PDB file of N, CA and C in Angstrom:
ATOM      1  N   MET A   1       0.856  -1.211  -0.003  1.00  0.00           N
ATOM      2  CA  MET A   1      -0.005  -0.024  -0.004  1.00  0.00           C
ATOM      3  C   MET A   1       0.911   1.235  -0.008  1.00  0.00           C
ATOM      4  N   ASN A   2       0.466   2.244  -0.725  1.00  0.00           N
ATOM      5  CA  ASN A   2       1.137   3.513  -0.766  1.00  0.00           C
ATOM      6  C   ASN A   2       0.189   4.630  -0.411  1.00  0.00           C
ATOM      7  N   ILE A   3       0.629   5.596   0.367  1.00  0.00           N
ATOM      8  CA  ILE A   3      -0.188   6.728   0.801  1.00  0.00           C
ATOM      9  C   ILE A   3       0.521   7.990   0.413  1.00  0.00           C
ATOM     10  N   THR A   4      -0.179   8.899  -0.264  1.00  0.00           N
ATOM     11  CA  THR A   4       0.349  10.188  -0.558  1.00  0.00           C
ATOM     12  C   THR A   4      -0.606  11.264  -0.012  1.00  0.00           C
ATOM     13  N   GLU A   5      -0.063  12.382   0.303  1.00  0.00           N
ATOM     14  CA  GLU A   5      -0.873  13.530   0.817  1.00  0.00           C
ATOM     15  C   GLU A   5      -0.571  14.751  -0.046  1.00  0.00           C
ATOM     16  N   SER A   6      -1.608  15.516  -0.277  1.00  0.00           N
ATOM     17  CA  SER A   6      -1.439  16.806  -1.004  1.00  0.00           C
ATOM     18  C   SER A   6      -2.547  17.747  -0.548  1.00  0.00           C
ATOM     19  N   ARG A   7      -2.390  18.972  -0.859  1.00  0.00           N
ATOM     20  CA  ARG A   7      -3.391  20.003  -0.542  1.00  0.00           C
ATOM     21  C   ARG A   7      -4.015  20.517  -1.808  1.00  0.00           C
ATOM     22  N   GLU A   8      -5.314  20.635  -1.804  1.00  0.00           N
ATOM     23  CA  GLU A   8      -6.042  21.297  -2.856  1.00  0.00           C
ATOM     24  C   GLU A   8      -6.874  22.377  -2.190  1.00  0.00           C
ATOM     25  N   GLY A   9      -6.351  23.587  -2.118  1.00  0.00           N
ATOM     26  CA  GLY A   9      -7.006  24.628  -1.394  1.00  0.00           C
ATOM     27  C   GLY A   9      -6.961  24.308   0.082  1.00  0.00           C
ATOM     28  N   GLU A  10      -8.142  24.288   0.716  1.00  0.00           N
ATOM     29  CA  GLU A  10      -8.254  23.979   2.135  1.00  0.00           C
ATOM     30  C   GLU A  10      -8.484  22.517   2.384  1.00  0.00           C
ATOM     31  N   VAL A  11      -8.474  21.702   1.365  1.00  0.00           N
ATOM     32  CA  VAL A  11      -8.794  20.272   1.464  1.00  0.00           C
ATOM     33  C   VAL A  11      -7.457  19.459   1.485  1.00  0.00           C
ATOM     34  N   LEU A  12      -7.339  18.587   2.488  1.00  0.00           N
ATOM     35  CA  LEU A  12      -6.193  17.650   2.500  1.00  0.00           C
ATOM     36  C   LEU A  12      -6.689  16.422   1.721  1.00  0.00           C
ATOM     37  N   VAL A  13      -5.941  16.099   0.690  1.00  0.00           N
ATOM     38  CA  VAL A  13      -6.228  14.879  -0.122  1.00  0.00           C
ATOM     39  C   VAL A  13      -5.268  13.778   0.291  1.00  0.00           C
ATOM     40  N   VAL A  14      -5.820  12.708   0.764  1.00  0.00           N
ATOM     41  CA  VAL A  14      -5.064  11.540   1.091  1.00  0.00           C
ATOM     42  C   VAL A  14      -5.387  10.454   0.044  1.00  0.00           C
ATOM     43  N   ALA A  15      -4.408  10.120  -0.772  1.00  0.00           N
ATOM     44  CA  ALA A  15      -4.597   9.124  -1.807  1.00  0.00           C
ATOM     45  C   ALA A  15      -3.963   7.813  -1.388  1.00  0.00           C
ATOM     46  N   VAL A  16      -4.711   6.754  -1.478  1.00  0.00           N
ATOM     47  CA  VAL A  16      -4.236   5.412  -1.112  1.00  0.00           C
ATOM     48  C   VAL A  16      -4.250   4.512  -2.323  1.00  0.00           C
ATOM     49  N   SER A  17      -3.200   3.728  -2.479  1.00  0.00           N
ATOM     50  CA  SER A  17      -3.210   2.771  -3.578  1.00  0.00           C
ATOM     51  C   SER A  17      -2.751   1.411  -3.051  1.00  0.00           C
ATOM     52  N   GLY A  18      -3.243   0.392  -3.698  1.00  0.00           N
ATOM     53  CA  GLY A  18      -2.884  -0.944  -3.310  1.00  0.00           C
ATOM     54  C   GLY A  18      -3.992  -1.670  -2.515  1.00  0.00           C
ATOM     55  N   ARG A  19      -3.637  -2.441  -1.544  1.00  0.00           N
ATOM     56  CA  ARG A  19      -4.583  -3.200  -0.714  1.00  0.00           C
ATOM     57  C   ARG A  19      -4.577  -2.641   0.696  1.00  0.00           C
ATOM     58  N   ILE A  20      -5.701  -2.480   1.264  1.00  0.00           N
ATOM     59  CA  ILE A  20      -5.815  -2.131   2.715  1.00  0.00           C
ATOM     60  C   ILE A  20      -6.257  -3.380   3.424  1.00  0.00           C
ATOM     61  N   ASP A  21      -5.281  -4.070   3.985  1.00  0.00           N
ATOM     62  CA  ASP A  21      -5.568  -5.344   4.628  1.00  0.00           C
ATOM     63  C   ASP A  21      -4.897  -5.412   6.028  1.00  0.00           C
ATOM     64  N   SER A  22      -4.887  -6.576   6.628  1.00  0.00           N
ATOM     65  CA  SER A  22      -4.353  -6.693   7.969  1.00  0.00           C
ATOM     66  C   SER A  22      -2.840  -6.370   7.995  1.00  0.00           C
ATOM     67  N   THR A  23      -2.156  -6.574   6.918  1.00  0.00           N
ATOM     68  CA  THR A  23      -0.723  -6.267   6.851  1.00  0.00           C
ATOM     69  C   THR A  23      -0.439  -4.766   6.713  1.00  0.00           C
ATOM     70  N   THR A  24      -1.301  -4.077   5.923  1.00  0.00           N
ATOM     71  CA  THR A  24      -1.009  -2.672   5.610  1.00  0.00           C
ATOM     72  C   THR A  24      -1.878  -1.671   6.346  1.00  0.00           C
ATOM     73  N   SER A  25      -2.936  -2.111   6.967  1.00  0.00           N
ATOM     74  CA  SER A  25      -3.858  -1.153   7.618  1.00  0.00           C
ATOM     75  C   SER A  25      -3.234  -0.341   8.733  1.00  0.00           C
ATOM     76  N   LYS A  26      -2.242  -0.861   9.386  1.00  0.00           N
ATOM     77  CA  LYS A  26      -1.561  -0.139  10.472  1.00  0.00           C
ATOM     78  C   LYS A  26      -0.940   1.136   9.943  1.00  0.00           C
ATOM     79  N   GLN A  27      -0.407   1.103   8.753  1.00  0.00           N
ATOM     80  CA  GLN A  27       0.178   2.299   8.155  1.00  0.00           C
ATOM     81  C   GLN A  27      -0.890   3.386   7.980  1.00  0.00           C
ATOM     82  N   LEU A  28      -2.085   3.021   7.533  1.00  0.00           N
ATOM     83  CA  LEU A  28      -3.162   4.001   7.355  1.00  0.00           C
ATOM     84  C   LEU A  28      -3.704   4.422   8.717  1.00  0.00           C
ATOM     85  N   GLU A  29      -3.747   3.521   9.644  1.00  0.00           N
ATOM     86  CA  GLU A  29      -4.239   3.821  10.998  1.00  0.00           C
ATOM     87  C   GLU A  29      -3.332   4.806  11.704  1.00  0.00           C
ATOM     88  N   ASP A  30      -2.077   4.778  11.458  1.00  0.00           N
ATOM     89  CA  ASP A  30      -1.118   5.712  12.043  1.00  0.00           C
ATOM     90  C   ASP A  30      -1.268   7.075  11.518  1.00  0.00           C
ATOM     91  N   LEU A  31      -1.915   7.243  10.361  1.00  0.00           N
ATOM     92  CA  LEU A  31      -1.999   8.533   9.712  1.00  0.00           C
ATOM     93  C   LEU A  31      -3.403   9.135   9.658  1.00  0.00           C
ATOM     94  N   LEU A  32      -4.371   8.355   9.196  1.00  0.00           N
ATOM     95  CA  LEU A  32      -5.677   8.906   8.827  1.00  0.00           C
ATOM     96  C   LEU A  32      -6.491   9.498   9.985  1.00  0.00           C
ATOM     97  N   PRO A  33      -6.717   8.777  11.102  1.00  0.00           N
ATOM     98  CA  PRO A  33      -7.534   9.390  12.172  1.00  0.00           C
ATOM     99  C   PRO A  33      -6.966  10.729  12.690  1.00  0.00           C
ATOM    100  N   GLU A  34      -5.631  10.781  12.783  1.00  0.00           N
ATOM    101  CA  GLU A  34      -5.026  12.033  13.248  1.00  0.00           C
ATOM    102  C   GLU A  34      -5.236  13.159  12.241  1.00  0.00           C
ATOM    103  N   ARG A  35      -5.118  12.866  10.953  1.00  0.00           N
ATOM    104  CA  ARG A  35      -5.312  13.881   9.946  1.00  0.00           C
ATOM    105  C   ARG A  35      -6.788  14.374   9.964  1.00  0.00           C
ATOM    106  N   VAL A  36      -7.713  13.459  10.128  1.00  0.00           N
ATOM    107  CA  VAL A  36      -9.122  13.838  10.179  1.00  0.00           C
ATOM    108  C   VAL A  36      -9.411  14.711  11.439  1.00  0.00           C
ATOM    109  N   GLN A  37      -8.745  14.382  12.540  1.00  0.00           N
ATOM    110  CA  GLN A  37      -8.971  15.119  13.751  1.00  0.00           C
ATOM    111  C   GLN A  37      -8.475  16.543  13.685  1.00  0.00           C
ATOM    112  N   VAL A  38      -7.351  16.805  12.995  1.00  0.00           N
ATOM    113  CA  VAL A  38      -6.760  18.144  13.032  1.00  0.00           C
ATOM    114  C   VAL A  38      -7.061  18.953  11.744  1.00  0.00           C
ATOM    115  N   THR A  39      -7.556  18.303  10.751  1.00  0.00           N
ATOM    116  CA  THR A  39      -7.814  18.996   9.456  1.00  0.00           C
ATOM    117  C   THR A  39      -9.325  19.051   9.192  1.00  0.00           C
ATOM    118  N   PRO A  40      -9.859  20.252   8.996  1.00  0.00           N
ATOM    119  CA  PRO A  40     -11.335  20.441   8.839  1.00  0.00           C
ATOM    120  C   PRO A  40     -11.934  19.705   7.633  1.00  0.00           C
ATOM    121  N   ARG A  41     -11.153  19.515   6.530  1.00  0.00           N
ATOM    122  CA  ARG A  41     -11.677  18.878   5.347  1.00  0.00           C
ATOM    123  C   ARG A  41     -10.654  17.885   4.810  1.00  0.00           C
ATOM    124  N   VAL A  42     -11.038  16.583   4.794  1.00  0.00           N
ATOM    125  CA  VAL A  42     -10.194  15.540   4.336  1.00  0.00           C
ATOM    126  C   VAL A  42     -10.926  14.721   3.250  1.00  0.00           C
ATOM    127  N   LEU A  43     -10.249  14.555   2.109  1.00  0.00           N
ATOM    128  CA  LEU A  43     -10.745  13.742   1.021  1.00  0.00           C
ATOM    129  C   LEU A  43      -9.887  12.522   0.965  1.00  0.00           C
ATOM    130  N   LEU A  44     -10.476  11.348   1.062  1.00  0.00           N
ATOM    131  CA  LEU A  44      -9.765  10.083   0.943  1.00  0.00           C
ATOM    132  C   LEU A  44     -10.018   9.513  -0.452  1.00  0.00           C
ATOM    133  N   ASP A  45      -8.980   9.601  -1.306  1.00  0.00           N
ATOM    134  CA  ASP A  45      -9.091   9.110  -2.694  1.00  0.00           C
ATOM    135  C   ASP A  45      -8.655   7.657  -2.723  1.00  0.00           C
ATOM    136  N   MET A  46      -9.654   6.800  -2.990  1.00  0.00           N
ATOM    137  CA  MET A  46      -9.400   5.346  -2.996  1.00  0.00           C
ATOM    138  C   MET A  46      -9.482   4.730  -4.396  1.00  0.00           C
ATOM    139  N   SER A  47      -9.230   5.597  -5.409  1.00  0.00           N
ATOM    140  CA  SER A  47      -9.393   5.119  -6.792  1.00  0.00           C
ATOM    141  C   SER A  47      -8.369   4.058  -7.188  1.00  0.00           C
ATOM    142  N   ASP A  48      -7.294   3.912  -6.411  1.00  0.00           N
ATOM    143  CA  ASP A  48      -6.321   2.899  -6.722  1.00  0.00           C
ATOM    144  C   ASP A  48      -6.252   1.819  -5.642  1.00  0.00           C
ATOM    145  N   VAL A  49      -7.347   1.657  -4.916  1.00  0.00           N
ATOM    146  CA  VAL A  49      -7.452   0.605  -3.851  1.00  0.00           C
ATOM    147  C   VAL A  49      -8.274  -0.527  -4.440  1.00  0.00           C
ATOM    148  N   GLN A  50      -7.629  -1.678  -4.576  1.00  0.00           N
ATOM    149  CA  GLN A  50      -8.317  -2.854  -5.139  1.00  0.00           C
ATOM    150  C   GLN A  50      -9.043  -3.690  -4.133  1.00  0.00           C
ATOM    151  N   TYR A  51      -8.630  -3.594  -2.837  1.00  0.00           N
ATOM    152  CA  TYR A  51      -9.198  -4.492  -1.796  1.00  0.00           C
ATOM    153  C   TYR A  51      -9.154  -3.812  -0.457  1.00  0.00           C
ATOM    154  N   VAL A  52     -10.210  -3.999   0.296  1.00  0.00           N
ATOM    155  CA  VAL A  52     -10.247  -3.493   1.705  1.00  0.00           C
ATOM    156  C   VAL A  52     -10.745  -4.668   2.588  1.00  0.00           C
ATOM    157  N   SER A  53      -9.908  -5.065   3.564  1.00  0.00           N
ATOM    158  CA  SER A  53     -10.252  -6.125   4.477  1.00  0.00           C
ATOM    159  C   SER A  53     -11.021  -5.548   5.668  1.00  0.00           C
ATOM    160  N   SER A  54     -11.476  -6.418   6.579  1.00  0.00           N
ATOM    161  CA  SER A  54     -12.156  -5.920   7.760  1.00  0.00           C
ATOM    162  C   SER A  54     -11.179  -5.062   8.618  1.00  0.00           C
ATOM    163  N   ALA A  55      -9.870  -5.339   8.629  1.00  0.00           N
ATOM    164  CA  ALA A  55      -8.952  -4.464   9.320  1.00  0.00           C
ATOM    165  C   ALA A  55      -8.930  -3.066   8.707  1.00  0.00           C
ATOM    166  N   GLY A  56      -8.958  -2.985   7.384  1.00  0.00           N
ATOM    167  CA  GLY A  56      -8.988  -1.702   6.717  1.00  0.00           C
ATOM    168  C   GLY A  56     -10.301  -0.968   6.952  1.00  0.00           C
ATOM    169  N   LEU A  57     -11.407  -1.697   6.945  1.00  0.00           N
ATOM    170  CA  LEU A  57     -12.688  -1.030   7.226  1.00  0.00           C
ATOM    171  C   LEU A  57     -12.711  -0.475   8.626  1.00  0.00           C
ATOM    172  N   ARG A  58     -12.108  -1.170   9.563  1.00  0.00           N
ATOM    173  CA  ARG A  58     -12.058  -0.653  10.956  1.00  0.00           C
ATOM    174  C   ARG A  58     -11.334   0.679  11.033  1.00  0.00           C
ATOM    175  N   VAL A  59     -10.217   0.781  10.289  1.00  0.00           N
ATOM    176  CA  VAL A  59      -9.449   2.026  10.257  1.00  0.00           C
ATOM    177  C   VAL A  59     -10.305   3.144   9.666  1.00  0.00           C
ATOM    178  N   LEU A  60     -10.962   2.870   8.595  1.00  0.00           N
ATOM    179  CA  LEU A  60     -11.852   3.858   7.957  1.00  0.00           C
ATOM    180  C   LEU A  60     -12.967   4.306   8.864  1.00  0.00           C
ATOM    181  N   LEU A  61     -13.562   3.336   9.536  1.00  0.00           N
ATOM    182  CA  LEU A  61     -14.636   3.633  10.483  1.00  0.00           C
ATOM    183  C   LEU A  61     -14.130   4.534  11.626  1.00  0.00           C
ATOM    184  N   LYS A  62     -12.937   4.257  12.135  1.00  0.00           N
ATOM    185  CA  LYS A  62     -12.376   5.058  13.195  1.00  0.00           C
ATOM    186  C   LYS A  62     -12.177   6.497  12.718  1.00  0.00           C
ATOM    187  N   ALA A  63     -11.726   6.660  11.482  1.00  0.00           N
ATOM    188  CA  ALA A  63     -11.535   8.010  10.898  1.00  0.00           C
ATOM    189  C   ALA A  63     -12.893   8.720  10.776  1.00  0.00           C
ATOM    190  N   ALA A  64     -13.903   7.996  10.335  1.00  0.00           N
ATOM    191  CA  ALA A  64     -15.228   8.605  10.173  1.00  0.00           C
ATOM    192  C   ALA A  64     -15.788   9.027  11.530  1.00  0.00           C
ATOM    193  N   LYS A  65     -15.584   8.225  12.524  1.00  0.00           N
ATOM    194  CA  LYS A  65     -16.106   8.616  13.886  1.00  0.00           C
ATOM    195  C   LYS A  65     -15.353   9.804  14.427  1.00  0.00           C
ATOM    196  N   THR A  66     -14.057   9.861  14.149  1.00  0.00           N
ATOM    197  CA  THR A  66     -13.261  11.034  14.559  1.00  0.00           C
ATOM    198  C   THR A  66     -13.780  12.288  13.861  1.00  0.00           C
ATOM    199  N   ALA A  67     -14.017  12.222  12.556  1.00  0.00           N
ATOM    200  CA  ALA A  67     -14.556  13.331  11.845  1.00  0.00           C
ATOM    201  C   ALA A  67     -15.877  13.761  12.341  1.00  0.00           C
ATOM    202  N   ARG A  68     -16.746  12.814  12.627  1.00  0.00           N
ATOM    203  CA  ARG A  68     -18.060  13.144  13.149  1.00  0.00           C
ATOM    204  C   ARG A  68     -17.982  13.820  14.522  1.00  0.00           C
ATOM    205  N   SER A  69     -17.087  13.354  15.388  1.00  0.00           N
ATOM    206  CA  SER A  69     -16.967  13.924  16.720  1.00  0.00           C
ATOM    207  C   SER A  69     -16.375  15.332  16.707  1.00  0.00           C
ATOM    208  N   THR A  70     -15.594  15.622  15.694  1.00  0.00           N
ATOM    209  CA  THR A  70     -14.943  16.943  15.639  1.00  0.00           C
ATOM    210  C   THR A  70     -15.721  17.895  14.722  1.00  0.00           C
ATOM    211  N   GLY A  71     -16.687  17.372  14.027  1.00  0.00           N
ATOM    212  CA  GLY A  71     -17.463  18.227  13.069  1.00  0.00           C
ATOM    213  C   GLY A  71     -16.697  18.473  11.792  1.00  0.00           C
ATOM    214  N   HIS A  72     -15.670  17.722  11.504  1.00  0.00           N
ATOM    215  CA  HIS A  72     -14.863  17.921  10.289  1.00  0.00           C
ATOM    216  C   HIS A  72     -15.391  17.141   9.127  1.00  0.00           C
ATOM    217  N   GLY A  73     -15.109  17.582   7.919  1.00  0.00           N
ATOM    218  CA  GLY A  73     -15.572  16.939   6.720  1.00  0.00           C
ATOM    219  C   GLY A  73     -14.679  15.800   6.341  1.00  0.00           C
ATOM    220  N   PHE A  74     -15.209  14.638   5.982  1.00  0.00           N
ATOM    221  CA  PHE A  74     -14.420  13.507   5.587  1.00  0.00           C
ATOM    222  C   PHE A  74     -15.224  12.803   4.488  1.00  0.00           C
ATOM    223  N   VAL A  75     -14.626  12.757   3.288  1.00  0.00           N
ATOM    224  CA  VAL A  75     -15.362  12.203   2.123  1.00  0.00           C
ATOM    225  C   VAL A  75     -14.453  11.156   1.488  1.00  0.00           C
ATOM    226  N   LEU A  76     -15.063  10.061   1.086  1.00  0.00           N
ATOM    227  CA  LEU A  76     -14.372   9.029   0.327  1.00  0.00           C
ATOM    228  C   LEU A  76     -14.765   9.160  -1.143  1.00  0.00           C
ATOM    229  N   THR A  77     -13.783   8.954  -2.020  1.00  0.00           N
ATOM    230  CA  THR A  77     -14.065   9.016  -3.441  1.00  0.00           C
ATOM    231  C   THR A  77     -13.293   7.938  -4.213  1.00  0.00           C
ATOM    232  N   GLY A  78     -13.774   7.646  -5.420  1.00  0.00           N
ATOM    233  CA  GLY A  78     -13.058   6.762  -6.319  1.00  0.00           C
ATOM    234  C   GLY A  78     -13.116   5.267  -5.983  1.00  0.00           C
ATOM    235  N   LEU A  79     -14.148   4.847  -5.217  1.00  0.00           N
ATOM    236  CA  LEU A  79     -14.213   3.443  -4.823  1.00  0.00           C
ATOM    237  C   LEU A  79     -14.444   2.594  -6.092  1.00  0.00           C
ATOM    238  N   LEU A  80     -13.561   1.634  -6.336  1.00  0.00           N
ATOM    239  CA  LEU A  80     -13.766   0.704  -7.448  1.00  0.00           C
ATOM    240  C   LEU A  80     -15.019  -0.127  -7.163  1.00  0.00           C
ATOM    241  N   PRO A  81     -15.653  -0.658  -8.168  1.00  0.00           N
ATOM    242  CA  PRO A  81     -16.928  -1.398  -7.962  1.00  0.00           C
ATOM    243  C   PRO A  81     -16.842  -2.484  -6.916  1.00  0.00           C
ATOM    244  N   GLN A  82     -15.738  -3.269  -6.893  1.00  0.00           N
ATOM    245  CA  GLN A  82     -15.654  -4.363  -5.931  1.00  0.00           C
ATOM    246  C   GLN A  82     -15.493  -3.815  -4.483  1.00  0.00           C
ATOM    247  N   VAL A  83     -14.874  -2.674  -4.306  1.00  0.00           N
ATOM    248  CA  VAL A  83     -14.685  -2.087  -3.012  1.00  0.00           C
ATOM    249  C   VAL A  83     -16.033  -1.454  -2.574  1.00  0.00           C
ATOM    250  N   HIS A  84     -16.676  -0.776  -3.502  1.00  0.00           N
ATOM    251  CA  HIS A  84     -17.950  -0.106  -3.203  1.00  0.00           C
ATOM    252  C   HIS A  84     -18.987  -1.160  -2.829  1.00  0.00           C
ATOM    253  N   GLU A  85     -18.951  -2.323  -3.472  1.00  0.00           N
ATOM    254  CA  GLU A  85     -19.878  -3.395  -3.147  1.00  0.00           C
ATOM    255  C   GLU A  85     -19.734  -3.859  -1.709  1.00  0.00           C
ATOM    256  N   VAL A  86     -18.496  -3.934  -1.252  1.00  0.00           N
ATOM    257  CA  VAL A  86     -18.245  -4.344   0.168  1.00  0.00           C
ATOM    258  C   VAL A  86     -18.895  -3.342   1.087  1.00  0.00           C
ATOM    259  N   PHE A  87     -18.726  -2.060   0.791  1.00  0.00           N
ATOM    260  CA  PHE A  87     -19.345  -1.011   1.626  1.00  0.00           C
ATOM    261  C   PHE A  87     -20.828  -1.130   1.644  1.00  0.00           C
ATOM    262  N   GLN A  88     -21.426  -1.424   0.513  1.00  0.00           N
ATOM    263  CA  GLN A  88     -22.887  -1.564   0.416  1.00  0.00           C
ATOM    264  C   GLN A  88     -23.374  -2.801   1.160  1.00  0.00           C
ATOM    265  N   VAL A  89     -22.713  -3.911   0.969  1.00  0.00           N
ATOM    266  CA  VAL A  89     -23.163  -5.171   1.606  1.00  0.00           C
ATOM    267  C   VAL A  89     -23.154  -5.111   3.129  1.00  0.00           C
ATOM    268  N   ILE A  90     -22.144  -4.435   3.695  1.00  0.00           N
ATOM    269  CA  ILE A  90     -22.112  -4.362   5.185  1.00  0.00           C
ATOM    270  C   ILE A  90     -22.726  -3.094   5.713  1.00  0.00           C
ATOM    271  N   GLY A  91     -23.327  -2.280   4.853  1.00  0.00           N
ATOM    272  CA  GLY A  91     -24.045  -1.085   5.308  1.00  0.00           C
ATOM    273  C   GLY A  91     -23.139   0.097   5.584  1.00  0.00           C
ATOM    274  N   PHE A  92     -21.886   0.066   5.236  1.00  0.00           N
ATOM    275  CA  PHE A  92     -20.952   1.176   5.491  1.00  0.00           C
ATOM    276  C   PHE A  92     -21.245   2.356   4.567  1.00  0.00           C
ATOM    277  N   ASP A  93     -21.940   2.123   3.468  1.00  0.00           N
ATOM    278  CA  ASP A  93     -22.269   3.261   2.592  1.00  0.00           C
ATOM    279  C   ASP A  93     -23.186   4.241   3.260  1.00  0.00           C
ATOM    280  N   ALA A  94     -23.855   3.834   4.332  1.00  0.00           N
ATOM    281  CA  ALA A  94     -24.750   4.728   5.106  1.00  0.00           C
ATOM    282  C   ALA A  94     -23.904   5.502   6.175  1.00  0.00           C
ATOM    283  N   LEU A  95     -22.719   5.014   6.478  1.00  0.00           N
ATOM    284  CA  LEU A  95     -21.872   5.625   7.517  1.00  0.00           C
ATOM    285  C   LEU A  95     -20.870   6.615   6.943  1.00  0.00           C
ATOM    286  N   PHE A  96     -20.592   6.524   5.679  1.00  0.00           N
ATOM    287  CA  PHE A  96     -19.626   7.382   5.022  1.00  0.00           C
ATOM    288  C   PHE A  96     -20.246   8.235   3.977  1.00  0.00           C
ATOM    289  N   ARG A  97     -19.673   9.375   3.743  1.00  0.00           N
ATOM    290  CA  ARG A  97     -20.028  10.196   2.594  1.00  0.00           C
ATOM    291  C   ARG A  97     -19.180   9.684   1.451  1.00  0.00           C
ATOM    292  N   ILE A  98     -19.750   9.004   0.512  1.00  0.00           N
ATOM    293  CA  ILE A  98     -19.047   8.441  -0.646  1.00  0.00           C
ATOM    294  C   ILE A  98     -19.533   9.132  -1.926  1.00  0.00           C
ATOM    295  N   VAL A  99     -18.566   9.656  -2.713  1.00  0.00           N
ATOM    296  CA  VAL A  99     -18.896  10.312  -3.959  1.00  0.00           C
ATOM    297  C   VAL A  99     -18.118   9.685  -5.040  1.00  0.00           C
ATOM    298  N   ALA A 100     -18.569   9.886  -6.325  1.00  0.00           N
ATOM    299  CA  ALA A 100     -18.006   9.182  -7.434  1.00  0.00           C
ATOM    300  C   ALA A 100     -16.586   9.620  -7.811  1.00  0.00           C
ATOM    301  N   ASP A 101     -16.347  10.930  -7.796  1.00  0.00           N
ATOM    302  CA  ASP A 101     -15.041  11.398  -8.285  1.00  0.00           C
ATOM    303  C   ASP A 101     -14.555  12.562  -7.447  1.00  0.00           C
ATOM    304  N   ARG A 102     -13.280  12.910  -7.681  1.00  0.00           N
ATOM    305  CA  ARG A 102     -12.598  13.912  -6.867  1.00  0.00           C
ATOM    306  C   ARG A 102     -13.300  15.306  -7.036  1.00  0.00           C
ATOM    307  N   GLY A 103     -13.752  15.646  -8.189  1.00  0.00           N
ATOM    308  CA  GLY A 103     -14.436  16.933  -8.391  1.00  0.00           C
ATOM    309  C   GLY A 103     -15.683  17.041  -7.489  1.00  0.00           C
ATOM    310  N   GLU A 104     -16.494  15.959  -7.494  1.00  0.00           N
ATOM    311  CA  GLU A 104     -17.699  15.970  -6.655  1.00  0.00           C
ATOM    312  C   GLU A 104     -17.308  15.964  -5.178  1.00  0.00           C
ATOM    313  N   ALA A 105     -16.250  15.311  -4.804  1.00  0.00           N
ATOM    314  CA  ALA A 105     -15.777  15.282  -3.446  1.00  0.00           C
ATOM    315  C   ALA A 105     -15.344  16.675  -2.988  1.00  0.00           C
ATOM    316  N   MET A 106     -14.624  17.395  -3.874  1.00  0.00           N
ATOM    317  CA  MET A 106     -14.196  18.761  -3.536  1.00  0.00           C
ATOM    318  C   MET A 106     -15.439  19.660  -3.315  1.00  0.00           C
ATOM    319  N   GLY A 107     -16.440  19.463  -4.152  1.00  0.00           N
ATOM    320  CA  GLY A 107     -17.656  20.209  -3.990  1.00  0.00           C
ATOM    321  C   GLY A 107     -18.355  19.888  -2.684  1.00  0.00           C
ATOM    322  N   ALA A 108     -18.365  18.591  -2.285  1.00  0.00           N
ATOM    323  CA  ALA A 108     -19.027  18.194  -1.059  1.00  0.00           C
ATOM    324  C   ALA A 108     -18.309  18.747   0.155  1.00  0.00           C
ATOM    325  N   LEU A 109     -17.023  18.961   0.044  1.00  0.00           N
ATOM    326  CA  LEU A 109     -16.260  19.472   1.173  1.00  0.00           C
ATOM    327  C   LEU A 109     -16.241  20.992   1.215  1.00  0.00           C
ATOM    328  N   ALA A 110     -16.667  21.653   0.146  1.00  0.00           N
ATOM    329  CA  ALA A 110     -16.642  23.094   0.086  1.00  0.00           C
ATOM    330  C   ALA A 110     -17.599  23.781   1.017  1.00  0.00           C
ATOM    331  N   GLY A 111     -18.725  23.087   1.306  1.00  0.00           N
ATOM    332  CA  GLY A 111     -19.763  23.722   2.089  1.00  0.00           C
ATOM    333  C   GLY A 111     -19.712  23.533   3.523  1.00  0.00           C
TER     334      GLY A 111
END
């Protein structure tokens, strides 16, 4: 798994590529919840993530709860069909703000 960070205006873009599984999720867990806590607007670009395990889902859920508790914006974008299906099957699509592309995500975080 590879993680890159960049700024687009006031939005922190965290782009993840590869697999988020029990081996790699610690790397994301060490970064994402803290970024969401201190940054008012975070976009998680998952367009290059092919697989998310339960360990990865736990990390994402922790970040979403952190965002909710701080009132910060946290949006997921670019979910590949197989990853999006996992979110739908377990009901996580109701817990996250998921949008189709980065442009839509930027708009969702603007307000």
